[in-house]
């Protein structure tokens, strides 16, 4: 099996969500992660804050986030799959899609 990185963008705003919506959504995330863990595919991951800093260019210019390039990365996980197509199929079960979020699947280079 190969390792894949799933980057999550958009989805539910955890800072402004109603408490019941937040609890329900976190339950769905827990169920999905538990399934990946039971299947031996979960490699770890975390939610990240909505703010940060971006470094770019030869002169290393530092700017504040959020990031003009697109949706803010909200978290990541790693998982094991036999191919990128299989990783994509697994990612389709992610709860982020309930809130029109984005999941980017990338193979981790060895």
PDB file of N, CA and C in Angstrom:
ATOM      1  N   UNK A   1       0.838  -1.197   0.000  1.00  0.00           N
ATOM      2  CA  UNK A   1       0.000   0.000   0.000  1.00  0.00           C
ATOM      3  C   UNK A   1       0.873   1.247   0.000  1.00  0.00           C
ATOM      4  N   UNK A   2       0.328   2.298  -0.566  1.00  0.00           N
ATOM      5  CA  UNK A   2       1.008   3.591  -0.623  1.00  0.00           C
ATOM      6  C   UNK A   2       0.342   4.546   0.371  1.00  0.00           C
ATOM      7  N   UNK A   3       1.050   5.610   0.717  1.00  0.00           N
ATOM      8  CA  UNK A   3       0.515   6.642   1.601  1.00  0.00           C
ATOM      9  C   UNK A   3       0.018   7.822   0.780  1.00  0.00           C
ATOM     10  N   UNK A   4      -1.133   8.343   1.182  1.00  0.00           N
ATOM     11  CA  UNK A   4      -1.750   9.481   0.510  1.00  0.00           C
ATOM     12  C   UNK A   4      -2.080  10.555   1.533  1.00  0.00           C
ATOM     13  N   UNK A   5      -1.977  11.802   1.092  1.00  0.00           N
ATOM     14  CA  UNK A   5      -2.336  12.949   1.909  1.00  0.00           C
ATOM     15  C   UNK A   5      -3.657  13.492   1.404  1.00  0.00           C
ATOM     16  N   UNK A   6      -4.600  13.670   2.304  1.00  0.00           N
ATOM     17  CA  UNK A   6      -5.877  14.307   1.973  1.00  0.00           C
ATOM     18  C   UNK A   6      -5.879  15.681   2.620  1.00  0.00           C
ATOM     19  N   UNK A   7      -5.976  16.721   1.801  1.00  0.00           N
ATOM     20  CA  UNK A   7      -6.046  18.105   2.277  1.00  0.00           C
ATOM     21  C   UNK A   7      -7.485  18.573   2.165  1.00  0.00           C
ATOM     22  N   UNK A   8      -8.010  19.129   3.239  1.00  0.00           N
ATOM     23  CA  UNK A   8      -9.405  19.559   3.267  1.00  0.00           C
ATOM     24  C   UNK A   8      -9.490  21.078   3.225  1.00  0.00           C
ATOM     25  N   UNK A   9     -10.352  21.571   2.327  1.00  0.00           N
ATOM     26  CA  UNK A   9     -10.564  23.015   2.184  1.00  0.00           C
ATOM     27  C   UNK A   9     -12.056  23.303   2.253  1.00  0.00           C
ATOM     28  N   UNK A  10     -12.390  24.427   2.863  1.00  0.00           N
ATOM     29  CA  UNK A  10     -13.792  24.832   2.919  1.00  0.00           C
ATOM     30  C   UNK A  10     -14.585  23.964   3.872  1.00  0.00           C
ATOM     31  N   UNK A  11     -15.842  23.758   3.554  1.00  0.00           N
ATOM     32  CA  UNK A  11     -16.705  22.971   4.428  1.00  0.00           C
ATOM     33  C   UNK A  11     -17.311  23.823   5.524  1.00  0.00           C
ATOM     34  N   UNK A  12     -17.730  23.168   6.580  1.00  0.00           N
ATOM     35  CA  UNK A  12     -18.379  23.845   7.702  1.00  0.00           C
ATOM     36  C   UNK A  12     -17.396  24.772   8.403  1.00  0.00           C
ATOM     37  N   UNK A  13     -17.827  25.992   8.703  1.00  0.00           N
ATOM     38  CA  UNK A  13     -17.010  26.914   9.484  1.00  0.00           C
ATOM     39  C   UNK A  13     -17.234  26.590  10.958  1.00  0.00           C
ATOM     40  N   UNK A  14     -16.246  25.983  11.581  1.00  0.00           N
ATOM     41  CA  UNK A  14     -16.377  25.530  12.960  1.00  0.00           C
ATOM     42  C   UNK A  14     -16.519  26.690  13.942  1.00  0.00           C
ATOM     43  N   UNK A  15     -16.076  27.884  13.577  1.00  0.00           N
ATOM     44  CA  UNK A  15     -16.181  29.038  14.466  1.00  0.00           C
ATOM     45  C   UNK A  15     -17.588  29.633  14.497  1.00  0.00           C
ATOM     46  N   UNK A  16     -18.350  29.466  13.418  1.00  0.00           N
ATOM     47  CA  UNK A  16     -19.670  30.100  13.357  1.00  0.00           C
ATOM     48  C   UNK A  16     -20.833  29.108  13.339  1.00  0.00           C
ATOM     49  N   UNK A  17     -20.538  27.817  13.320  1.00  0.00           N
ATOM     50  CA  UNK A  17     -21.598  26.805  13.256  1.00  0.00           C
ATOM     51  C   UNK A  17     -22.392  26.767  14.560  1.00  0.00           C
ATOM     52  N   UNK A  18     -23.671  26.454  14.441  1.00  0.00           N
ATOM     53  CA  UNK A  18     -24.514  26.271  15.624  1.00  0.00           C
ATOM     54  C   UNK A  18     -24.009  25.047  16.389  1.00  0.00           C
ATOM     55  N   UNK A  19     -24.133  25.066  17.718  1.00  0.00           N
ATOM     56  CA  UNK A  19     -23.620  23.950  18.524  1.00  0.00           C
ATOM     57  C   UNK A  19     -24.145  22.577  18.094  1.00  0.00           C
ATOM     58  N   UNK A  20     -25.433  22.467  17.781  1.00  0.00           N
ATOM     59  CA  UNK A  20     -25.977  21.170  17.382  1.00  0.00           C
ATOM     60  C   UNK A  20     -25.423  20.739  16.018  1.00  0.00           C
ATOM     61  N   UNK A  21     -25.253  21.683  15.108  1.00  0.00           N
ATOM     62  CA  UNK A  21     -24.680  21.380  13.795  1.00  0.00           C
ATOM     63  C   UNK A  21     -23.216  20.947  13.946  1.00  0.00           C
ATOM     64  N   UNK A  22     -22.506  21.625  14.818  1.00  0.00           N
ATOM     65  CA  UNK A  22     -21.111  21.293  15.076  1.00  0.00           C
ATOM     66  C   UNK A  22     -20.995  19.891  15.665  1.00  0.00           C
ATOM     67  N   UNK A  23     -21.835  19.572  16.635  1.00  0.00           N
ATOM     68  CA  UNK A  23     -21.803  18.257  17.272  1.00  0.00           C
ATOM     69  C   UNK A  23     -22.129  17.148  16.268  1.00  0.00           C
ATOM     70  N   UNK A  24     -23.128  17.372  15.444  1.00  0.00           N
ATOM     71  CA  UNK A  24     -23.513  16.387  14.433  1.00  0.00           C
ATOM     72  C   UNK A  24     -22.379  16.174  13.424  1.00  0.00           C
ATOM     73  N   UNK A  25     -21.777  17.256  12.977  1.00  0.00           N
ATOM     74  CA  UNK A  25     -20.693  17.173  12.000  1.00  0.00           C
ATOM     75  C   UNK A  25     -19.466  16.486  12.582  1.00  0.00           C
ATOM     76  N   UNK A  26     -19.104  16.835  13.809  1.00  0.00           N
ATOM     77  CA  UNK A  26     -17.959  16.184  14.445  1.00  0.00           C
ATOM     78  C   UNK A  26     -18.210  14.690  14.616  1.00  0.00           C
ATOM     79  N   UNK A  27     -19.452  14.314  14.878  1.00  0.00           N
ATOM     80  CA  UNK A  27     -19.805  12.901  14.972  1.00  0.00           C
ATOM     81  C   UNK A  27     -19.593  12.176  13.649  1.00  0.00           C
ATOM     82  N   UNK A  28     -19.953  12.831  12.548  1.00  0.00           N
ATOM     83  CA  UNK A  28     -19.747  12.226  11.228  1.00  0.00           C
ATOM     84  C   UNK A  28     -18.260  12.070  10.920  1.00  0.00           C
ATOM     85  N   UNK A  29     -17.474  13.087  11.277  1.00  0.00           N
ATOM     86  CA  UNK A  29     -16.028  12.990  11.079  1.00  0.00           C
ATOM     87  C   UNK A  29     -15.456  11.846  11.919  1.00  0.00           C
ATOM     88  N   UNK A  30     -15.899  11.734  13.170  1.00  0.00           N
ATOM     89  CA  UNK A  30     -15.410  10.667  14.047  1.00  0.00           C
ATOM     90  C   UNK A  30     -15.757   9.303  13.465  1.00  0.00           C
ATOM     91  N   UNK A  31     -16.978   9.137  12.999  1.00  0.00           N
ATOM     92  CA  UNK A  31     -17.393   7.862  12.411  1.00  0.00           C
ATOM     93  C   UNK A  31     -16.531   7.507  11.197  1.00  0.00           C
ATOM     94  N   UNK A  32     -16.259   8.492  10.345  1.00  0.00           N
ATOM     95  CA  UNK A  32     -15.463   8.250   9.144  1.00  0.00           C
ATOM     96  C   UNK A  32     -14.029   7.873   9.515  1.00  0.00           C
ATOM     97  N   UNK A  33     -13.440   8.618  10.445  1.00  0.00           N
ATOM     98  CA  UNK A  33     -12.072   8.330  10.888  1.00  0.00           C
ATOM     99  C   UNK A  33     -12.019   6.967  11.575  1.00  0.00           C
ATOM    100  N   UNK A  34     -13.014   6.649  12.397  1.00  0.00           N
ATOM    101  CA  UNK A  34     -13.062   5.328  13.052  1.00  0.00           C
ATOM    102  C   UNK A  34     -13.098   4.208  12.021  1.00  0.00           C
ATOM    103  N   UNK A  35     -13.870   4.384  10.935  1.00  0.00           N
ATOM    104  CA  UNK A  35     -13.940   3.381   9.878  1.00  0.00           C
ATOM    105  C   UNK A  35     -12.570   3.205   9.221  1.00  0.00           C
ATOM    106  N   UNK A  36     -11.898   4.317   8.913  1.00  0.00           N
ATOM    107  CA  UNK A  36     -10.562   4.248   8.318  1.00  0.00           C
ATOM    108  C   UNK A  36      -9.577   3.561   9.254  1.00  0.00           C
ATOM    109  N   UNK A  37      -9.694   3.834  10.548  1.00  0.00           N
ATOM    110  CA  UNK A  37      -8.817   3.222  11.548  1.00  0.00           C
ATOM    111  C   UNK A  37      -9.060   1.721  11.620  1.00  0.00           C
ATOM    112  N   UNK A  38     -10.326   1.319  11.678  1.00  0.00           N
ATOM    113  CA  UNK A  38     -10.681  -0.100  11.728  1.00  0.00           C
ATOM    114  C   UNK A  38     -10.160  -0.837  10.499  1.00  0.00           C
ATOM    115  N   UNK A  39     -10.198  -0.175   9.345  1.00  0.00           N
ATOM    116  CA  UNK A  39      -9.719  -0.778   8.098  1.00  0.00           C
ATOM    117  C   UNK A  39      -8.194  -0.754   7.962  1.00  0.00           C
ATOM    118  N   UNK A  40      -7.503  -0.145   8.945  1.00  0.00           N
ATOM    119  CA  UNK A  40      -6.047  -0.062   8.894  1.00  0.00           C
ATOM    120  C   UNK A  40      -5.520   0.935   7.887  1.00  0.00           C
ATOM    121  N   UNK A  41      -6.339   1.907   7.524  1.00  0.00           N
ATOM    122  CA  UNK A  41      -5.956   2.882   6.499  1.00  0.00           C
ATOM    123  C   UNK A  41      -5.577   4.254   7.056  1.00  0.00           C
ATOM    124  N   UNK A  42      -5.987   4.557   8.272  1.00  0.00           N
ATOM    125  CA  UNK A  42      -5.786   5.891   8.841  1.00  0.00           C
ATOM    126  C   UNK A  42      -4.357   6.053   9.336  1.00  0.00           C
ATOM    127  N   UNK A  43      -3.703   7.123   8.888  1.00  0.00           N
ATOM    128  CA  UNK A  43      -2.329   7.381   9.287  1.00  0.00           C
ATOM    129  C   UNK A  43      -2.161   8.586  10.192  1.00  0.00           C
ATOM    130  N   UNK A  44      -3.253   9.231  10.557  1.00  0.00           N
ATOM    131  CA  UNK A  44      -3.183  10.413  11.414  1.00  0.00           C
ATOM    132  C   UNK A  44      -3.657  11.646  10.684  1.00  0.00           C
ATOM    133  N   UNK A  45      -3.913  12.689  11.429  1.00  0.00           N
ATOM    134  CA  UNK A  45      -4.353  13.940  10.833  1.00  0.00           C
ATOM    135  C   UNK A  45      -4.879  14.881  11.892  1.00  0.00           C
ATOM    136  N   UNK A  46      -5.108  16.123  11.476  1.00  0.00           N
ATOM    137  CA  UNK A  46      -5.574  17.132  12.416  1.00  0.00           C
ATOM    138  C   UNK A  46      -6.301  18.243  11.689  1.00  0.00           C
ATOM    139  N   UNK A  47      -7.164  18.906  12.430  1.00  0.00           N
ATOM    140  CA  UNK A  47      -7.784  20.131  11.946  1.00  0.00           C
ATOM    141  C   UNK A  47      -6.802  21.259  12.235  1.00  0.00           C
ATOM    142  N   UNK A  48      -6.774  22.274  11.394  1.00  0.00           N
ATOM    143  CA  UNK A  48      -5.877  23.407  11.604  1.00  0.00           C
ATOM    144  C   UNK A  48      -6.693  24.693  11.748  1.00  0.00           C
ATOM    145  N   UNK A  49      -6.068  25.736  12.312  1.00  0.00           N
ATOM    146  CA  UNK A  49      -6.750  27.010  12.490  1.00  0.00           C
ATOM    147  C   UNK A  49      -6.965  27.694  11.149  1.00  0.00           C
ATOM    148  N   UNK A  50      -7.818  28.698  11.125  1.00  0.00           N
ATOM    149  CA  UNK A  50      -8.138  29.403   9.889  1.00  0.00           C
ATOM    150  C   UNK A  50      -7.175  30.565   9.611  1.00  0.00           C
ATOM    151  N   UNK A  51      -6.211  30.769  10.455  1.00  0.00           N
ATOM    152  CA  UNK A  51      -5.243  31.847  10.241  1.00  0.00           C
ATOM    153  C   UNK A  51      -3.841  31.264  10.158  1.00  0.00           C
ATOM    154  N   UNK A  52      -2.943  32.035   9.630  1.00  0.00           N
ATOM    155  CA  UNK A  52      -1.562  31.588   9.516  1.00  0.00           C
ATOM    156  C   UNK A  52      -0.746  32.600   8.742  1.00  0.00           C
ATOM    157  N   UNK A  53       0.393  32.186   8.288  1.00  0.00           N
ATOM    158  CA  UNK A  53       1.281  33.051   7.515  1.00  0.00           C
ATOM    159  C   UNK A  53       1.741  32.298   6.277  1.00  0.00           C
ATOM    160  N   UNK A  54       1.993  33.052   5.217  1.00  0.00           N
ATOM    161  CA  UNK A  54       2.464  32.492   3.959  1.00  0.00           C
ATOM    162  C   UNK A  54       3.839  33.082   3.666  1.00  0.00           C
ATOM    163  N   UNK A  55       4.797  32.231   3.335  1.00  0.00           N
ATOM    164  CA  UNK A  55       6.134  32.664   2.949  1.00  0.00           C
ATOM    165  C   UNK A  55       6.303  32.367   1.474  1.00  0.00           C
ATOM    166  N   UNK A  56       6.825  33.350   0.715  1.00  0.00           N
ATOM    167  CA  UNK A  56       7.003  33.097  -0.716  1.00  0.00           C
ATOM    168  C   UNK A  56       8.128  33.943  -1.286  1.00  0.00           C
ATOM    169  N   UNK A  57       8.697  33.415  -2.371  1.00  0.00           N
ATOM    170  CA  UNK A  57       9.692  34.138  -3.144  1.00  0.00           C
ATOM    171  C   UNK A  57      11.105  34.048  -2.591  1.00  0.00           C
ATOM    172  N   UNK A  58      12.064  34.440  -3.433  1.00  0.00           N
ATOM    173  CA  UNK A  58      13.477  34.405  -3.048  1.00  0.00           C
ATOM    174  C   UNK A  58      13.769  35.302  -1.858  1.00  0.00           C
ATOM    175  N   UNK A  59      13.062  36.418  -1.790  1.00  0.00           N
ATOM    176  CA  UNK A  59      13.298  37.338  -0.676  1.00  0.00           C
ATOM    177  C   UNK A  59      12.490  36.956   0.563  1.00  0.00           C
ATOM    178  N   UNK A  60      11.751  35.882   0.474  1.00  0.00           N
ATOM    179  CA  UNK A  60      10.926  35.330   1.556  1.00  0.00           C
ATOM    180  C   UNK A  60      10.028  36.403   2.168  1.00  0.00           C
ATOM    181  N   UNK A  61       9.057  36.810   1.394  1.00  0.00           N
ATOM    182  CA  UNK A  61       8.056  37.760   1.852  1.00  0.00           C
ATOM    183  C   UNK A  61       7.030  36.998   2.683  1.00  0.00           C
ATOM    184  N   UNK A  62       6.759  37.492   3.880  1.00  0.00           N
ATOM    185  CA  UNK A  62       5.802  36.855   4.781  1.00  0.00           C
ATOM    186  C   UNK A  62       4.518  37.674   4.799  1.00  0.00           C
ATOM    187  N   UNK A  63       3.381  37.008   4.517  1.00  0.00           N
ATOM    188  CA  UNK A  63       2.083  37.687   4.559  1.00  0.00           C
ATOM    189  C   UNK A  63       1.151  36.912   5.481  1.00  0.00           C
ATOM    190  N   UNK A  64       0.111  37.593   5.935  1.00  0.00           N
ATOM    191  CA  UNK A  64      -0.885  36.975   6.801  1.00  0.00           C
ATOM    192  C   UNK A  64      -1.856  36.156   5.972  1.00  0.00           C
ATOM    193  N   UNK A  65      -2.390  35.086   6.560  1.00  0.00           N
ATOM    194  CA  UNK A  65      -3.489  34.353   5.932  1.00  0.00           C
ATOM    195  C   UNK A  65      -4.784  35.010   6.341  1.00  0.00           C
ATOM    196  N   UNK A  66      -5.952  34.668   5.833  1.00  0.00           N
ATOM    197  CA  UNK A  66      -6.151  33.583   4.880  1.00  0.00           C
ATOM    198  C   UNK A  66      -5.490  33.869   3.545  1.00  0.00           C
ATOM    199  N   UNK A  67      -5.546  32.920   2.699  1.00  0.00           N
ATOM    200  CA  UNK A  67      -4.681  32.877   1.541  1.00  0.00           C
ATOM    201  C   UNK A  67      -5.438  33.208   0.273  1.00  0.00           C
ATOM    202  N   UNK A  68      -4.934  34.164  -0.473  1.00  0.00           N
ATOM    203  CA  UNK A  68      -5.611  34.654  -1.671  1.00  0.00           C
ATOM    204  C   UNK A  68      -5.723  33.595  -2.763  1.00  0.00           C
ATOM    205  N   UNK A  69      -4.896  32.554  -2.708  1.00  0.00           N
ATOM    206  CA  UNK A  69      -4.875  31.556  -3.775  1.00  0.00           C
ATOM    207  C   UNK A  69      -6.134  30.699  -3.823  1.00  0.00           C
ATOM    208  N   UNK A  70      -6.928  30.683  -2.798  1.00  0.00           N
ATOM    209  CA  UNK A  70      -8.120  29.842  -2.816  1.00  0.00           C
ATOM    210  C   UNK A  70      -8.651  29.573  -1.429  1.00  0.00           C
ATOM    211  N   UNK A  71      -9.369  28.484  -1.296  1.00  0.00           N
ATOM    212  CA  UNK A  71      -9.962  28.120  -0.023  1.00  0.00           C
ATOM    213  C   UNK A  71      -8.881  27.865   1.026  1.00  0.00           C
ATOM    214  N   UNK A  72      -9.201  28.146   2.260  1.00  0.00           N
ATOM    215  CA  UNK A  72      -8.294  27.916   3.368  1.00  0.00           C
ATOM    216  C   UNK A  72      -8.218  26.420   3.658  1.00  0.00           C
ATOM    217  N   UNK A  73      -7.011  25.905   3.854  1.00  0.00           N
ATOM    218  CA  UNK A  73      -6.857  24.514   4.269  1.00  0.00           C
ATOM    219  C   UNK A  73      -7.363  24.402   5.696  1.00  0.00           C
ATOM    220  N   UNK A  74      -8.294  23.485   5.912  1.00  0.00           N
ATOM    221  CA  UNK A  74      -8.895  23.323   7.236  1.00  0.00           C
ATOM    222  C   UNK A  74      -8.344  22.152   8.017  1.00  0.00           C
ATOM    223  N   UNK A  75      -7.641  21.244   7.332  1.00  0.00           N
ATOM    224  CA  UNK A  75      -7.073  20.090   8.001  1.00  0.00           C
ATOM    225  C   UNK A  75      -6.516  19.113   6.999  1.00  0.00           C
ATOM    226  N   UNK A  76      -6.002  18.009   7.530  1.00  0.00           N
ATOM    227  CA  UNK A  76      -5.399  16.994   6.674  1.00  0.00           C
ATOM    228  C   UNK A  76      -5.434  15.654   7.383  1.00  0.00           C
ATOM    229  N   UNK A  77      -5.377  14.585   6.606  1.00  0.00           N
ATOM    230  CA  UNK A  77      -5.118  13.261   7.141  1.00  0.00           C
ATOM    231  C   UNK A  77      -4.233  12.523   6.156  1.00  0.00           C
ATOM    232  N   UNK A  78      -3.593  11.489   6.629  1.00  0.00           N
ATOM    233  CA  UNK A  78      -2.905  10.573   5.729  1.00  0.00           C
ATOM    234  C   UNK A  78      -3.648   9.249   5.783  1.00  0.00           C
ATOM    235  N   UNK A  79      -3.646   8.554   4.656  1.00  0.00           N
ATOM    236  CA  UNK A  79      -4.269   7.241   4.630  1.00  0.00           C
ATOM    237  C   UNK A  79      -3.501   6.328   3.711  1.00  0.00           C
ATOM    238  N   UNK A  80      -3.740   5.042   3.866  1.00  0.00           N
ATOM    239  CA  UNK A  80      -3.104   4.029   3.045  1.00  0.00           C
ATOM    240  C   UNK A  80      -4.102   3.504   2.026  1.00  0.00           C
ATOM    241  N   UNK A  81      -3.645   3.369   0.780  1.00  0.00           N
ATOM    242  CA  UNK A  81      -4.477   2.828  -0.293  1.00  0.00           C
ATOM    243  C   UNK A  81      -3.558   2.185  -1.324  1.00  0.00           C
ATOM    244  N   UNK A  82      -4.112   1.321  -2.142  1.00  0.00           N
ATOM    245  CA  UNK A  82      -3.329   0.626  -3.169  1.00  0.00           C
ATOM    246  C   UNK A  82      -3.039   1.497  -4.384  1.00  0.00           C
ATOM    247  N   UNK A  83      -3.862   2.534  -4.604  1.00  0.00           N
ATOM    248  CA  UNK A  83      -3.687   3.405  -5.771  1.00  0.00           C
ATOM    249  C   UNK A  83      -4.362   4.739  -5.479  1.00  0.00           C
ATOM    250  N   UNK A  84      -4.073   5.718  -6.316  1.00  0.00           N
ATOM    251  CA  UNK A  84      -4.733   7.008  -6.137  1.00  0.00           C
ATOM    252  C   UNK A  84      -6.232   6.884  -6.390  1.00  0.00           C
ATOM    253  N   UNK A  85      -6.621   6.011  -7.310  1.00  0.00           N
ATOM    254  CA  UNK A  85      -8.052   5.816  -7.559  1.00  0.00           C
ATOM    255  C   UNK A  85      -8.752   5.252  -6.328  1.00  0.00           C
ATOM    256  N   UNK A  86      -8.101   4.324  -5.640  1.00  0.00           N
ATOM    257  CA  UNK A  86      -8.680   3.783  -4.412  1.00  0.00           C
ATOM    258  C   UNK A  86      -8.730   4.858  -3.329  1.00  0.00           C
ATOM    259  N   UNK A  87      -7.683   5.679  -3.224  1.00  0.00           N
ATOM    260  CA  UNK A  87      -7.675   6.774  -2.246  1.00  0.00           C
ATOM    261  C   UNK A  87      -8.814   7.753  -2.528  1.00  0.00           C
ATOM    262  N   UNK A  88      -9.070   8.036  -3.800  1.00  0.00           N
ATOM    263  CA  UNK A  88     -10.175   8.922  -4.180  1.00  0.00           C
ATOM    264  C   UNK A  88     -11.513   8.312  -3.756  1.00  0.00           C
ATOM    265  N   UNK A  89     -11.683   7.017  -3.980  1.00  0.00           N
ATOM    266  CA  UNK A  89     -12.933   6.359  -3.575  1.00  0.00           C
ATOM    267  C   UNK A  89     -13.125   6.447  -2.070  1.00  0.00           C
ATOM    268  N   UNK A  90     -12.061   6.253  -1.310  1.00  0.00           N
ATOM    269  CA  UNK A  90     -12.139   6.371   0.152  1.00  0.00           C
ATOM    270  C   UNK A  90     -12.488   7.804   0.533  1.00  0.00           C
ATOM    271  N   UNK A  91     -11.856   8.776  -0.129  1.00  0.00           N
ATOM    272  CA  UNK A  91     -12.087  10.191   0.187  1.00  0.00           C
ATOM    273  C   UNK A  91     -13.529  10.607  -0.078  1.00  0.00           C
ATOM    274  N   UNK A  92     -14.209   9.925  -0.984  1.00  0.00           N
ATOM    275  CA  UNK A  92     -15.604  10.275  -1.280  1.00  0.00           C
ATOM    276  C   UNK A  92     -16.511  10.128  -0.067  1.00  0.00           C
ATOM    277  N   UNK A  93     -16.093   9.369   0.939  1.00  0.00           N
ATOM    278  CA  UNK A  93     -16.879   9.212   2.156  1.00  0.00           C
ATOM    279  C   UNK A  93     -16.671  10.319   3.175  1.00  0.00           C
ATOM    280  N   UNK A  94     -15.821  11.283   2.867  1.00  0.00           N
ATOM    281  CA  UNK A  94     -15.487  12.360   3.798  1.00  0.00           C
ATOM    282  C   UNK A  94     -16.685  13.275   4.055  1.00  0.00           C
ATOM    283  N   UNK A  95     -16.953  13.607   5.322  1.00  0.00           N
ATOM    284  CA  UNK A  95     -18.075  14.488   5.654  1.00  0.00           C
ATOM    285  C   UNK A  95     -17.947  15.923   5.142  1.00  0.00           C
ATOM    286  N   UNK A  96     -16.785  16.334   4.677  1.00  0.00           N
ATOM    287  CA  UNK A  96     -16.617  17.710   4.205  1.00  0.00           C
ATOM    288  C   UNK A  96     -17.542  18.020   3.029  1.00  0.00           C
ATOM    289  N   UNK A  97     -17.908  16.976   2.278  1.00  0.00           N
ATOM    290  CA  UNK A  97     -18.754  17.194   1.107  1.00  0.00           C
ATOM    291  C   UNK A  97     -20.192  17.551   1.477  1.00  0.00           C
ATOM    292  N   UNK A  98     -20.591  17.278   2.729  1.00  0.00           N
ATOM    293  CA  UNK A  98     -21.922  17.685   3.197  1.00  0.00           C
ATOM    294  C   UNK A  98     -22.059  19.202   3.249  1.00  0.00           C
ATOM    295  N   UNK A  99     -20.926  19.909   3.252  1.00  0.00           N
ATOM    296  CA  UNK A  99     -20.926  21.372   3.313  1.00  0.00           C
ATOM    297  C   UNK A  99     -20.181  21.967   2.130  1.00  0.00           C
ATOM    298  N   UNK A 100     -20.226  21.260   0.996  1.00  0.00           N
ATOM    299  CA  UNK A 100     -19.659  21.751  -0.256  1.00  0.00           C
ATOM    300  C   UNK A 100     -18.158  22.004  -0.161  1.00  0.00           C
ATOM    301  N   UNK A 101     -17.460  21.224   0.665  1.00  0.00           N
ATOM    302  CA  UNK A 101     -16.037  21.374   0.836  1.00  0.00           C
ATOM    303  C   UNK A 101     -15.245  20.681  -0.266  1.00  0.00           C
ATOM    304  N   UNK A 102     -13.942  20.808  -0.159  1.00  0.00           N
ATOM    305  CA  UNK A 102     -13.003  20.278  -1.145  1.00  0.00           C
ATOM    306  C   UNK A 102     -12.029  19.338  -0.442  1.00  0.00           C
ATOM    307  N   UNK A 103     -11.716  18.232  -1.098  1.00  0.00           N
ATOM    308  CA  UNK A 103     -10.691  17.302  -0.602  1.00  0.00           C
ATOM    309  C   UNK A 103      -9.702  17.062  -1.741  1.00  0.00           C
ATOM    310  N   UNK A 104      -8.454  17.391  -1.507  1.00  0.00           N
ATOM    311  CA  UNK A 104      -7.401  17.148  -2.487  1.00  0.00           C
ATOM    312  C   UNK A 104      -6.647  15.895  -2.063  1.00  0.00           C
ATOM    313  N   UNK A 105      -6.455  14.954  -2.984  1.00  0.00           N
ATOM    314  CA  UNK A 105      -5.770  13.693  -2.712  1.00  0.00           C
ATOM    315  C   UNK A 105      -4.418  13.728  -3.406  1.00  0.00           C
ATOM    316  N   UNK A 106      -3.344  13.523  -2.634  1.00  0.00           N
ATOM    317  CA  UNK A 106      -1.991  13.534  -3.197  1.00  0.00           C
ATOM    318  C   UNK A 106      -1.210  12.345  -2.677  1.00  0.00           C
ATOM    319  N   UNK A 107      -0.484  11.652  -3.558  1.00  0.00           N
ATOM    320  CA  UNK A 107       0.376  10.562  -3.119  1.00  0.00           C
ATOM    321  C   UNK A 107       1.595  11.155  -2.425  1.00  0.00           C
ATOM    322  N   UNK A 108       1.992  10.541  -1.323  1.00  0.00           N
ATOM    323  CA  UNK A 108       3.192  10.978  -0.611  1.00  0.00           C
ATOM    324  C   UNK A 108       4.386  10.300  -1.267  1.00  0.00           C
ATOM    325  N   UNK A 109       5.320  11.103  -1.746  1.00  0.00           N
ATOM    326  CA  UNK A 109       6.500  10.580  -2.431  1.00  0.00           C
ATOM    327  C   UNK A 109       7.408   9.855  -1.464  1.00  0.00           C
ATOM    328  N   UNK A 110       7.993   8.786  -1.947  1.00  0.00           N
ATOM    329  CA  UNK A 110       8.893   7.991  -1.109  1.00  0.00           C
ATOM    330  C   UNK A 110      10.315   8.420  -1.352  1.00  0.00           C
TER     331      UNK A 110
END
